Amino acid sequence: MMALRNLAPRVELSPRKLRKQSTKAFLKIVPDLSIDSAPGTSKAFVAFILGIFGVGFAALLTINTLLTQDAIKIQTLKIESLAINENREAILKEVERLASPEELATAAIMLNMRPSQSPEFLNLDPSSKPAELALKP
């Protein structure tokens, strides 16, 4: 073991210089990846990313504007639908009021109609023969 130490070259560097040289040797193993090695690629890449961002932002604004316009149309159509339904309900109530027996009697009297004194009914009993279908008091 003593012989091996004698064969190895003696390093006469201070520990500080030894550390500095060892890091230089280590850094020489790694390839140079600095940005300055390809000057045009980083600017082109940044411009490309900004272009994509700009186009995406413009598309997003367009879609948002169209959705807002559609939401406004939907809101106006809902309001119009509510108004139509309210109008329909009012008309149905008016028809129901006019079709009541009291209103029909009043309208008939205004048209000089008079109630029947002897009502006659038609007998539509299926057991009776067709010849026997007659008006009976």
Protein backbone atom coordinates (compact mmCIF):
# COMPACT_ATOMS: atom_id res chain seq x y z
CA MET A 1 0.00 0.00 0.00
CA MET A 2 2.88 2.24 0.63
CA ALA A 3 4.16 1.65 -2.81
CA LEU A 4 0.98 2.87 -4.45
CA ARG A 5 1.20 6.23 -2.72
CA ASN A 6 4.70 6.68 -3.89
CA LEU A 7 3.74 6.03 -7.51
CA ALA A 8 0.86 8.57 -7.62
CA PRO A 9 1.88 12.09 -8.67
CA ARG A 10 1.91 14.53 -5.89
CA VAL A 11 -0.50 17.44 -6.21
CA GLU A 12 1.01 20.59 -4.97
CA LEU A 13 -2.09 22.75 -5.30
CA SER A 14 -3.86 24.42 -2.48
CA PRO A 15 -7.31 23.07 -1.61
CA ARG A 16 -8.94 26.20 -3.06
CA LYS A 17 -7.20 25.82 -6.44
CA LEU A 18 -7.95 22.14 -6.41
CA ARG A 19 -11.70 22.80 -5.97
CA LYS A 20 -11.65 25.42 -8.73
CA GLN A 21 -9.97 23.11 -11.20
CA SER A 22 -12.23 20.20 -10.32
CA THR A 23 -15.38 22.27 -11.01
CA LYS A 24 -13.95 23.40 -14.35
CA ALA A 25 -13.35 19.81 -15.29
CA PHE A 26 -16.86 18.89 -14.25
CA LEU A 27 -18.40 21.76 -16.26
CA LYS A 28 -16.48 20.74 -19.37
CA ILE A 29 -18.41 17.46 -19.38
CA VAL A 30 -21.77 19.27 -19.77
CA PRO A 31 -22.41 20.81 -23.21
CA ASP A 32 -22.82 24.57 -23.53
CA LEU A 33 -26.59 25.32 -23.35
CA SER A 34 -26.48 29.09 -23.18
CA ILE A 35 -29.14 31.18 -24.93
CA ASP A 36 -26.54 33.06 -26.91
CA SER A 37 -25.61 29.90 -28.81
CA ALA A 38 -28.68 30.32 -31.09
CA PRO A 39 -29.59 34.03 -31.13
CA GLY A 40 -32.65 33.96 -33.44
CA THR A 41 -34.55 31.03 -32.02
CA SER A 42 -35.60 32.53 -28.69
CA LYS A 43 -37.06 35.68 -30.29
CA ALA A 44 -38.94 33.66 -32.88
CA PHE A 45 -40.28 31.36 -30.19
CA VAL A 46 -41.46 34.28 -28.04
CA ALA A 47 -43.10 35.89 -31.08
CA PHE A 48 -44.82 32.60 -31.93
CA ILE A 49 -46.14 32.16 -28.38
CA LEU A 50 -47.35 35.78 -28.28
CA GLY A 51 -49.06 35.28 -31.65
CA ILE A 52 -50.88 32.20 -30.42
CA PHE A 53 -51.86 34.04 -27.24
CA GLY A 54 -53.16 37.01 -29.26
CA VAL A 55 -55.21 34.84 -31.62
CA GLY A 56 -56.63 32.88 -28.69
CA PHE A 57 -57.52 36.07 -26.84
CA ALA A 58 -59.25 37.51 -29.92
CA ALA A 59 -61.20 34.26 -30.39
CA LEU A 60 -62.19 34.29 -26.73
CA LEU A 61 -63.45 37.88 -26.98
CA THR A 62 -65.43 37.05 -30.12
CA ILE A 63 -67.05 34.01 -28.53
CA ASN A 64 -67.83 35.96 -25.36
CA THR A 65 -69.45 38.76 -27.39
CA LEU A 66 -71.59 36.30 -29.34
CA LEU A 67 -72.68 34.53 -26.16
CA THR A 68 -73.61 37.85 -24.58
CA GLN A 69 -75.71 38.81 -27.61
CA ASP A 70 -77.46 35.43 -27.50
CA ALA A 71 -78.11 35.83 -23.78
CA ILE A 72 -79.75 39.21 -24.43
CA LYS A 73 -81.93 37.69 -27.17
CA ILE A 74 -82.92 34.84 -24.86
CA GLN A 75 -83.85 37.29 -22.11
CA THR A 76 -86.04 39.38 -24.44
CA LEU A 77 -87.71 36.22 -25.76
CA LYS A 78 -88.43 35.06 -22.20
CA ILE A 79 -90.02 38.42 -21.38
CA GLU A 80 -92.07 38.27 -24.58
CA SER A 81 -93.14 34.71 -23.76
CA LEU A 82 -94.28 35.76 -20.29
CA ALA A 83 -96.30 38.62 -21.78
CA ILE A 84 -97.93 36.29 -24.32
CA ASN A 85 -98.80 33.77 -21.59
CA GLU A 86 -100.33 36.49 -19.42
CA ASN A 87 -102.37 37.72 -22.41
CA ARG A 88 -103.49 34.16 -23.17
CA GLU A 89 -104.59 33.61 -19.55
CA ALA A 90 -106.53 36.90 -19.59
CA ILE A 91 -108.30 35.89 -22.81
CA LEU A 92 -109.15 32.44 -21.40
CA LYS A 93 -110.60 34.04 -18.26
CA GLU A 94 -112.66 36.40 -20.41
CA VAL A 95 -113.97 33.48 -22.52
CA GLU A 96 -114.77 31.56 -19.35
CA ARG A 97 -116.63 34.56 -17.94
CA LEU A 98 -118.59 35.07 -21.17
CA ALA A 99 -119.45 31.35 -21.37
CA SER A 100 -120.97 31.30 -17.89
CA PRO A 101 -124.73 30.57 -17.77
CA GLU A 102 -125.56 33.98 -16.33
CA GLU A 103 -123.76 35.82 -19.13
CA LEU A 104 -125.30 33.57 -21.79
CA ALA A 105 -128.79 34.24 -20.40
CA THR A 106 -128.14 37.99 -20.36
CA ALA A 107 -126.85 37.90 -23.96
CA ALA A 108 -129.89 35.85 -25.09
CA ILE A 109 -132.31 38.33 -23.51
CA MET A 110 -130.49 41.19 -25.28
CA LEU A 111 -131.03 39.35 -28.58
CA ASN A 112 -134.79 39.13 -27.83
CA MET A 113 -134.63 35.40 -27.18
CA ARG A 114 -136.99 33.95 -24.64
CA PRO A 115 -136.79 30.79 -22.58
CA SER A 116 -138.80 27.80 -23.78
CA GLN A 117 -141.98 27.15 -21.83
CA SER A 118 -142.32 23.50 -22.87
CA PRO A 119 -138.95 21.92 -23.58
CA GLU A 120 -138.96 18.80 -25.74
CA PHE A 121 -136.18 16.23 -25.58
CA LEU A 122 -134.98 13.82 -28.23
CA ASN A 123 -134.87 10.21 -27.11
CA LEU A 124 -131.68 8.61 -28.36
CA ASP A 125 -131.96 5.41 -26.37
CA PRO A 126 -130.17 2.62 -28.28
CA SER A 127 -132.84 0.06 -27.30
CA SER A 128 -135.55 1.91 -29.16
CA LYS A 129 -136.16 1.22 -32.81
CA PRO A 130 -135.38 3.88 -35.41
CA ALA A 131 -139.07 4.36 -36.15
CA GLU A 132 -139.79 5.06 -32.53
CA LEU A 133 -137.26 7.90 -32.33
CA ALA A 134 -139.54 10.78 -31.91
CA LEU A 135 -139.86 13.87 -29.92
CA LYS A 136 -141.58 13.40 -26.67
CA PRO A 137 -142.63 16.13 -24.25
